[in-house]
Amino acid sequence: MRKFFLVVTLLSASTGAIAQQQKQPQQQQRSGTPEEQKACAHDVQKFCRAIMDESDLTILACLQQNRPKLTHACDQVLVSNGQ
């Protein structure tokens, strides 16, 4: 009987740990090379700060809306990716 309670306790502890891990936000992978990300990081911070946690497509739309204000480096990233 003691072994049964030990097993149940261990199972419930491991289930709680898994549930806690699932609640933590997933770190989102971003598109583009590290160099491309670096080229646009300042522009994203400046013009798209409110939506930085959104999808890449949302950020891309924001950058496109602010196209005239982008740095040359970020603009070149968009051009080189057909945007």
PDB file of N, CA and C in Angstrom:
ATOM      1  N   MET A   1       0.822  -1.192   0.000  1.00  0.00           N
ATOM      2  CA  MET A   1       0.000   0.000   0.000  1.00  0.00           C
ATOM      3  C   MET A   1       0.871   1.262   0.000  1.00  0.00           C
ATOM      4  N   ARG A   2       1.973   1.242   0.745  1.00  0.00           N
ATOM      5  CA  ARG A   2       2.863   2.401   0.778  1.00  0.00           C
ATOM      6  C   ARG A   2       3.454   2.661  -0.604  1.00  0.00           C
ATOM      7  N   LYS A   3       3.797   1.578  -1.301  1.00  0.00           N
ATOM      8  CA  LYS A   3       4.367   1.730  -2.643  1.00  0.00           C
ATOM      9  C   LYS A   3       3.349   2.365  -3.581  1.00  0.00           C
ATOM     10  N   PHE A   4       2.107   1.995  -3.449  1.00  0.00           N
ATOM     11  CA  PHE A   4       1.053   2.556  -4.283  1.00  0.00           C
ATOM     12  C   PHE A   4       0.965   4.070  -4.090  1.00  0.00           C
ATOM     13  N   PHE A   5       0.953   4.523  -2.831  1.00  0.00           N
ATOM     14  CA  PHE A   5       0.877   5.957  -2.551  1.00  0.00           C
ATOM     15  C   PHE A   5       2.117   6.691  -3.044  1.00  0.00           C
ATOM     16  N   LEU A   6       3.278   6.046  -2.960  1.00  0.00           N
ATOM     17  CA  LEU A   6       4.508   6.649  -3.447  1.00  0.00           C
ATOM     18  C   LEU A   6       4.443   6.844  -4.958  1.00  0.00           C
ATOM     19  N   VAL A   7       3.970   5.823  -5.661  1.00  0.00           N
ATOM     20  CA  VAL A   7       3.842   5.902  -7.118  1.00  0.00           C
ATOM     21  C   VAL A   7       2.841   6.993  -7.500  1.00  0.00           C
ATOM     22  N   VAL A   8       1.707   7.048  -6.834  1.00  0.00           N
ATOM     23  CA  VAL A   8       0.691   8.063  -7.124  1.00  0.00           C
ATOM     24  C   VAL A   8       1.253   9.459  -6.877  1.00  0.00           C
ATOM     25  N   THR A   9       1.992   9.618  -5.793  1.00  0.00           N
ATOM     26  CA  THR A   9       2.585  10.918  -5.470  1.00  0.00           C
ATOM     27  C   THR A   9       3.586  11.329  -6.535  1.00  0.00           C
ATOM     28  N   LEU A  10       4.425  10.410  -6.956  1.00  0.00           N
ATOM     29  CA  LEU A  10       5.424  10.720  -7.987  1.00  0.00           C
ATOM     30  C   LEU A  10       4.762  11.055  -9.319  1.00  0.00           C
ATOM     31  N   LEU A  11       3.733  10.318  -9.672  1.00  0.00           N
ATOM     32  CA  LEU A  11       3.031  10.593 -10.919  1.00  0.00           C
ATOM     33  C   LEU A  11       2.350  11.956 -10.894  1.00  0.00           C
ATOM     34  N   SER A  12       1.731  12.293  -9.796  1.00  0.00           N
ATOM     35  CA  SER A  12       1.053  13.586  -9.728  1.00  0.00           C
ATOM     36  C   SER A  12       2.064  14.734  -9.732  1.00  0.00           C
ATOM     37  N   ALA A  13       3.230  14.538  -9.127  1.00  0.00           N
ATOM     38  CA  ALA A  13       4.266  15.569  -9.135  1.00  0.00           C
ATOM     39  C   ALA A  13       4.799  15.776 -10.548  1.00  0.00           C
ATOM     40  N   SER A  14       5.017  14.690 -11.280  1.00  0.00           N
ATOM     41  CA  SER A  14       5.538  14.838 -12.640  1.00  0.00           C
ATOM     42  C   SER A  14       4.483  15.427 -13.567  1.00  0.00           C
ATOM     43  N   THR A  15       3.230  15.099 -13.375  1.00  0.00           N
ATOM     44  CA  THR A  15       2.150  15.673 -14.178  1.00  0.00           C
ATOM     45  C   THR A  15       2.052  17.171 -13.930  1.00  0.00           C
ATOM     46  N   GLY A  16       2.211  17.601 -12.692  1.00  0.00           N
ATOM     47  CA  GLY A  16       2.181  19.026 -12.371  1.00  0.00           C
ATOM     48  C   GLY A  16       3.322  19.776 -13.027  1.00  0.00           C
ATOM     49  N   ALA A  17       4.492  19.156 -13.075  1.00  0.00           N
ATOM     50  CA  ALA A  17       5.647  19.789 -13.709  1.00  0.00           C
ATOM     51  C   ALA A  17       5.427  19.938 -15.208  1.00  0.00           C
ATOM     52  N   ILE A  18       4.846  18.930 -15.834  1.00  0.00           N
ATOM     53  CA  ILE A  18       4.552  19.006 -17.270  1.00  0.00           C
ATOM     54  C   ILE A  18       3.524  20.093 -17.545  1.00  0.00           C
ATOM     55  N   ALA A  19       2.497  20.170 -16.733  1.00  0.00           N
ATOM     56  CA  ALA A  19       1.467  21.200 -16.919  1.00  0.00           C
ATOM     57  C   ALA A  19       2.069  22.588 -16.753  1.00  0.00           C
ATOM     58  N   GLN A  20       2.979  22.766 -15.815  1.00  0.00           N
ATOM     59  CA  GLN A  20       3.618  24.066 -15.606  1.00  0.00           C
ATOM     60  C   GLN A  20       4.455  24.452 -16.822  1.00  0.00           C
ATOM     61  N   GLN A  21       5.170  23.495 -17.405  1.00  0.00           N
ATOM     62  CA  GLN A  21       5.974  23.769 -18.588  1.00  0.00           C
ATOM     63  C   GLN A  21       5.096  24.189 -19.755  1.00  0.00           C
ATOM     64  N   GLN A  22       3.928  23.590 -19.882  1.00  0.00           N
ATOM     65  CA  GLN A  22       3.040  23.913 -20.988  1.00  0.00           C
ATOM     66  C   GLN A  22       2.440  25.297 -20.838  1.00  0.00           C
ATOM     67  N   LYS A  23       2.313  25.801 -19.619  1.00  0.00           N
ATOM     68  CA  LYS A  23       1.746  27.121 -19.392  1.00  0.00           C
ATOM     69  C   LYS A  23       2.724  28.232 -19.733  1.00  0.00           C
ATOM     70  N   GLN A  24       4.022  27.935 -19.689  1.00  0.00           N
ATOM     71  CA  GLN A  24       5.015  28.952 -19.978  1.00  0.00           C
ATOM     72  C   GLN A  24       4.968  29.272 -21.465  1.00  0.00           C
ATOM     73  N   PRO A  25       5.065  30.563 -21.813  1.00  0.00           N
ATOM     74  CA  PRO A  25       4.993  30.926 -23.224  1.00  0.00           C
ATOM     75  C   PRO A  25       6.165  30.346 -24.002  1.00  0.00           C
ATOM     76  N   GLN A  26       5.858  29.897 -25.175  1.00  0.00           N
ATOM     77  CA  GLN A  26       6.889  29.358 -26.044  1.00  0.00           C
ATOM     78  C   GLN A  26       7.665  30.523 -26.662  1.00  0.00           C
ATOM     79  N   GLN A  27       8.979  30.372 -26.695  1.00  0.00           N
ATOM     80  CA  GLN A  27       9.769  31.402 -27.349  1.00  0.00           C
ATOM     81  C   GLN A  27       9.640  31.179 -28.842  1.00  0.00           C
ATOM     82  N   GLN A  28       9.243  32.206 -29.513  1.00  0.00           N
ATOM     83  CA  GLN A  28       8.926  32.088 -30.918  1.00  0.00           C
ATOM     84  C   GLN A  28      10.180  32.179 -31.778  1.00  0.00           C
ATOM     85  N   GLN A  29      10.293  31.272 -32.730  1.00  0.00           N
ATOM     86  CA  GLN A  29      11.376  31.329 -33.682  1.00  0.00           C
ATOM     87  C   GLN A  29      11.041  32.383 -34.729  1.00  0.00           C
ATOM     88  N   ARG A  30      11.988  33.196 -35.064  1.00  0.00           N
ATOM     89  CA  ARG A  30      11.778  34.240 -36.054  1.00  0.00           C
ATOM     90  C   ARG A  30      12.390  33.831 -37.382  1.00  0.00           C
ATOM     91  N   SER A  31      11.820  34.352 -38.463  1.00  0.00           N
ATOM     92  CA  SER A  31      12.337  34.085 -39.796  1.00  0.00           C
ATOM     93  C   SER A  31      13.563  34.943 -40.065  1.00  0.00           C
ATOM     94  N   GLY A  32      14.321  34.549 -41.053  1.00  0.00           N
ATOM     95  CA  GLY A  32      15.477  35.330 -41.470  1.00  0.00           C
ATOM     96  C   GLY A  32      16.747  34.905 -40.769  1.00  0.00           C
ATOM     97  N   THR A  33      17.842  35.280 -41.392  1.00  0.00           N
ATOM     98  CA  THR A  33      19.148  34.973 -40.822  1.00  0.00           C
ATOM     99  C   THR A  33      19.409  35.892 -39.632  1.00  0.00           C
ATOM    100  N   PRO A  34      20.364  35.544 -38.800  1.00  0.00           N
ATOM    101  CA  PRO A  34      20.707  36.449 -37.697  1.00  0.00           C
ATOM    102  C   PRO A  34      21.101  37.848 -38.196  1.00  0.00           C
ATOM    103  N   GLU A  35      21.759  37.916 -39.342  1.00  0.00           N
ATOM    104  CA  GLU A  35      22.158  39.211 -39.907  1.00  0.00           C
ATOM    105  C   GLU A  35      20.931  40.022 -40.324  1.00  0.00           C
ATOM    106  N   GLU A  36      19.954  39.349 -40.934  1.00  0.00           N
ATOM    107  CA  GLU A  36      18.727  40.039 -41.346  1.00  0.00           C
ATOM    108  C   GLU A  36      17.949  40.517 -40.126  1.00  0.00           C
ATOM    109  N   GLN A  37      17.884  39.690 -39.113  1.00  0.00           N
ATOM    110  CA  GLN A  37      17.186  40.079 -37.889  1.00  0.00           C
ATOM    111  C   GLN A  37      17.857  41.284 -37.250  1.00  0.00           C
ATOM    112  N   LYS A  38      19.189  41.284 -37.234  1.00  0.00           N
ATOM    113  CA  LYS A  38      19.930  42.401 -36.650  1.00  0.00           C
ATOM    114  C   LYS A  38      19.696  43.677 -37.456  1.00  0.00           C
ATOM    115  N   ALA A  39      19.636  43.552 -38.787  1.00  0.00           N
ATOM    116  CA  ALA A  39      19.443  44.724 -39.645  1.00  0.00           C
ATOM    117  C   ALA A  39      18.099  45.395 -39.385  1.00  0.00           C
ATOM    118  N   CYS A  40      17.091  44.626 -39.011  1.00  0.00           N
ATOM    119  CA  CYS A  40      15.750  45.184 -38.806  1.00  0.00           C
ATOM    120  C   CYS A  40      15.355  45.337 -37.340  1.00  0.00           C
ATOM    121  N   ALA A  41      16.203  44.897 -36.428  1.00  0.00           N
ATOM    122  CA  ALA A  41      15.840  44.930 -35.007  1.00  0.00           C
ATOM    123  C   ALA A  41      15.486  46.337 -34.533  1.00  0.00           C
ATOM    124  N   HIS A  42      16.286  47.319 -34.917  1.00  0.00           N
ATOM    125  CA  HIS A  42      16.029  48.703 -34.486  1.00  0.00           C
ATOM    126  C   HIS A  42      14.688  49.205 -35.045  1.00  0.00           C
ATOM    127  N   ASP A  43      14.435  48.904 -36.307  1.00  0.00           N
ATOM    128  CA  ASP A  43      13.184  49.351 -36.933  1.00  0.00           C
ATOM    129  C   ASP A  43      11.968  48.680 -36.300  1.00  0.00           C
ATOM    130  N   VAL A  44      12.081  47.409 -35.999  1.00  0.00           N
ATOM    131  CA  VAL A  44      10.968  46.701 -35.348  1.00  0.00           C
ATOM    132  C   VAL A  44      10.712  47.319 -33.980  1.00  0.00           C
ATOM    133  N   GLN A  45      11.782  47.579 -33.232  1.00  0.00           N
ATOM    134  CA  GLN A  45      11.633  48.199 -31.908  1.00  0.00           C
ATOM    135  C   GLN A  45      10.992  49.581 -32.020  1.00  0.00           C
ATOM    136  N   LYS A  46      11.426  50.337 -33.004  1.00  0.00           N
ATOM    137  CA  LYS A  46      10.964  51.724 -33.139  1.00  0.00           C
ATOM    138  C   LYS A  46       9.536  51.827 -33.665  1.00  0.00           C
ATOM    139  N   PHE A  47       9.216  51.085 -34.702  1.00  0.00           N
ATOM    140  CA  PHE A  47       7.930  51.250 -35.378  1.00  0.00           C
ATOM    141  C   PHE A  47       6.886  50.189 -35.036  1.00  0.00           C
ATOM    142  N   CYS A  48       7.324  49.041 -34.548  1.00  0.00           N
ATOM    143  CA  CYS A  48       6.401  47.919 -34.359  1.00  0.00           C
ATOM    144  C   CYS A  48       6.433  47.373 -32.934  1.00  0.00           C
ATOM    145  N   ARG A  49       6.845  48.182 -31.999  1.00  0.00           N
ATOM    146  CA  ARG A  49       7.008  47.726 -30.609  1.00  0.00           C
ATOM    147  C   ARG A  49       5.733  47.085 -30.059  1.00  0.00           C
ATOM    148  N   ALA A  50       4.593  47.659 -30.362  1.00  0.00           N
ATOM    149  CA  ALA A  50       3.328  47.167 -29.798  1.00  0.00           C
ATOM    150  C   ALA A  50       2.976  45.755 -30.271  1.00  0.00           C
ATOM    151  N   ILE A  51       3.532  45.347 -31.393  1.00  0.00           N
ATOM    152  CA  ILE A  51       3.176  44.030 -31.945  1.00  0.00           C
ATOM    153  C   ILE A  51       4.374  43.088 -32.044  1.00  0.00           C
ATOM    154  N   MET A  52       5.431  43.384 -31.325  1.00  0.00           N
ATOM    155  CA  MET A  52       6.651  42.575 -31.422  1.00  0.00           C
ATOM    156  C   MET A  52       6.433  41.111 -31.077  1.00  0.00           C
ATOM    157  N   ASP A  53       5.437  40.799 -30.286  1.00  0.00           N
ATOM    158  CA  ASP A  53       5.178  39.409 -29.899  1.00  0.00           C
ATOM    159  C   ASP A  53       4.238  38.701 -30.857  1.00  0.00           C
ATOM    160  N   GLU A  54       3.845  39.381 -31.905  1.00  0.00           N
ATOM    161  CA  GLU A  54       2.937  38.793 -32.892  1.00  0.00           C
ATOM    162  C   GLU A  54       3.731  37.946 -33.887  1.00  0.00           C
ATOM    163  N   SER A  55       3.040  37.439 -34.884  1.00  0.00           N
ATOM    164  CA  SER A  55       3.677  36.582 -35.887  1.00  0.00           C
ATOM    165  C   SER A  55       4.598  37.388 -36.794  1.00  0.00           C
ATOM    166  N   ASP A  56       5.455  36.670 -37.505  1.00  0.00           N
ATOM    167  CA  ASP A  56       6.367  37.317 -38.447  1.00  0.00           C
ATOM    168  C   ASP A  56       5.611  38.086 -39.521  1.00  0.00           C
ATOM    169  N   LEU A  57       4.479  37.536 -39.967  1.00  0.00           N
ATOM    170  CA  LEU A  57       3.708  38.216 -41.010  1.00  0.00           C
ATOM    171  C   LEU A  57       3.133  39.542 -40.516  1.00  0.00           C
ATOM    172  N   THR A  58       2.739  39.599 -39.265  1.00  0.00           N
ATOM    173  CA  THR A  58       2.222  40.832 -38.685  1.00  0.00           C
ATOM    174  C   THR A  58       3.331  41.875 -38.604  1.00  0.00           C
ATOM    175  N   ILE A  59       4.513  41.440 -38.188  1.00  0.00           N
ATOM    176  CA  ILE A  59       5.657  42.350 -38.114  1.00  0.00           C
ATOM    177  C   ILE A  59       6.054  42.812 -39.505  1.00  0.00           C
ATOM    178  N   LEU A  60       6.035  41.912 -40.462  1.00  0.00           N
ATOM    179  CA  LEU A  60       6.346  42.280 -41.843  1.00  0.00           C
ATOM    180  C   LEU A  60       5.373  43.337 -42.344  1.00  0.00           C
ATOM    181  N   ALA A  61       4.094  43.165 -42.068  1.00  0.00           N
ATOM    182  CA  ALA A  61       3.092  44.155 -42.487  1.00  0.00           C
ATOM    183  C   ALA A  61       3.378  45.509 -41.845  1.00  0.00           C
ATOM    184  N   CYS A  62       3.770  45.495 -40.588  1.00  0.00           N
ATOM    185  CA  CYS A  62       4.103  46.738 -39.894  1.00  0.00           C
ATOM    186  C   CYS A  62       5.307  47.411 -40.557  1.00  0.00           C
ATOM    187  N   LEU A  63       6.333  46.629 -40.871  1.00  0.00           N
ATOM    188  CA  LEU A  63       7.514  47.193 -41.522  1.00  0.00           C
ATOM    189  C   LEU A  63       7.157  47.765 -42.889  1.00  0.00           C
ATOM    190  N   GLN A  64       6.296  47.064 -43.610  1.00  0.00           N
ATOM    191  CA  GLN A  64       5.876  47.556 -44.920  1.00  0.00           C
ATOM    192  C   GLN A  64       5.086  48.860 -44.800  1.00  0.00           C
ATOM    193  N   GLN A  65       4.270  48.990 -43.768  1.00  0.00           N
ATOM    194  CA  GLN A  65       3.514  50.221 -43.550  1.00  0.00           C
ATOM    195  C   GLN A  65       4.436  51.394 -43.225  1.00  0.00           C
ATOM    196  N   ASN A  66       5.571  51.082 -42.652  1.00  0.00           N
ATOM    197  CA  ASN A  66       6.530  52.121 -42.268  1.00  0.00           C
ATOM    198  C   ASN A  66       7.723  52.171 -43.219  1.00  0.00           C
ATOM    199  N   ARG A  67       7.556  51.650 -44.396  1.00  0.00           N
ATOM    200  CA  ARG A  67       8.646  51.516 -45.380  1.00  0.00           C
ATOM    201  C   ARG A  67       9.437  52.799 -45.592  1.00  0.00           C
ATOM    202  N   PRO A  68       8.809  53.937 -45.757  1.00  0.00           N
ATOM    203  CA  PRO A  68       9.592  55.163 -46.007  1.00  0.00           C
ATOM    204  C   PRO A  68      10.502  55.555 -44.831  1.00  0.00           C
ATOM    205  N   LYS A  69      10.192  55.076 -43.645  1.00  0.00           N
ATOM    206  CA  LYS A  69      10.960  55.454 -42.453  1.00  0.00           C
ATOM    207  C   LYS A  69      12.030  54.437 -42.069  1.00  0.00           C
ATOM    208  N   LEU A  70      12.077  53.285 -42.744  1.00  0.00           N
ATOM    209  CA  LEU A  70      13.010  52.223 -42.368  1.00  0.00           C
ATOM    210  C   LEU A  70      14.450  52.608 -42.678  1.00  0.00           C
ATOM    211  N   THR A  71      15.359  52.019 -41.896  1.00  0.00           N
ATOM    212  CA  THR A  71      16.778  52.196 -42.198  1.00  0.00           C
ATOM    213  C   THR A  71      17.077  51.520 -43.530  1.00  0.00           C
ATOM    214  N   HIS A  72      18.152  51.958 -44.152  1.00  0.00           N
ATOM    215  CA  HIS A  72      18.536  51.383 -45.444  1.00  0.00           C
ATOM    216  C   HIS A  72      18.784  49.873 -45.313  1.00  0.00           C
ATOM    217  N   ALA A  73      19.428  49.471 -44.221  1.00  0.00           N
ATOM    218  CA  ALA A  73      19.750  48.051 -44.028  1.00  0.00           C
ATOM    219  C   ALA A  73      18.496  47.187 -43.959  1.00  0.00           C
ATOM    220  N   CYS A  74      17.498  47.640 -43.218  1.00  0.00           N
ATOM    221  CA  CYS A  74      16.262  46.866 -43.101  1.00  0.00           C
ATOM    222  C   CYS A  74      15.498  46.873 -44.422  1.00  0.00           C
ATOM    223  N   ASP A  75      15.482  48.002 -45.082  1.00  0.00           N
ATOM    224  CA  ASP A  75      14.832  48.079 -46.388  1.00  0.00           C
ATOM    225  C   ASP A  75      15.463  47.095 -47.357  1.00  0.00           C
ATOM    226  N   GLN A  76      16.779  46.970 -47.308  1.00  0.00           N
ATOM    227  CA  GLN A  76      17.488  46.029 -48.188  1.00  0.00           C
ATOM    228  C   GLN A  76      17.130  44.585 -47.847  1.00  0.00           C
ATOM    229  N   VAL A  77      16.899  44.288 -46.590  1.00  0.00           N
ATOM    230  CA  VAL A  77      16.463  42.943 -46.193  1.00  0.00           C
ATOM    231  C   VAL A  77      15.111  42.643 -46.834  1.00  0.00           C
ATOM    232  N   LEU A  78      14.201  43.604 -46.771  1.00  0.00           N
ATOM    233  CA  LEU A  78      12.882  43.397 -47.382  1.00  0.00           C
ATOM    234  C   LEU A  78      13.001  43.213 -48.885  1.00  0.00           C
ATOM    235  N   VAL A  79      13.807  44.065 -49.534  1.00  0.00           N
ATOM    236  CA  VAL A  79      13.991  43.972 -50.980  1.00  0.00           C
ATOM    237  C   VAL A  79      14.589  42.610 -51.355  1.00  0.00           C
ATOM    238  N   SER A  80      15.607  42.177 -50.626  1.00  0.00           N
ATOM    239  CA  SER A  80      16.267  40.917 -50.948  1.00  0.00           C
ATOM    240  C   SER A  80      15.363  39.703 -50.720  1.00  0.00           C
ATOM    241  N   ASN A  81      14.296  39.889 -49.950  1.00  0.00           N
ATOM    242  CA  ASN A  81      13.340  38.809 -49.713  1.00  0.00           C
ATOM    243  C   ASN A  81      12.051  39.000 -50.509  1.00  0.00           C
ATOM    244  N   GLY A  82      12.101  39.836 -51.517  1.00  0.00           N
ATOM    245  CA  GLY A  82      10.974  40.005 -52.419  1.00  0.00           C
ATOM    246  C   GLY A  82       9.807  40.778 -51.816  1.00  0.00           C
ATOM    247  N   GLN A  83      10.072  41.621 -50.865  1.00  0.00           N
ATOM    248  CA  GLN A  83       9.005  42.395 -50.242  1.00  0.00           C
ATOM    249  C   GLN A  83       9.068  43.829 -50.699  1.00  0.00           C
TER     250      GLN A  83
END
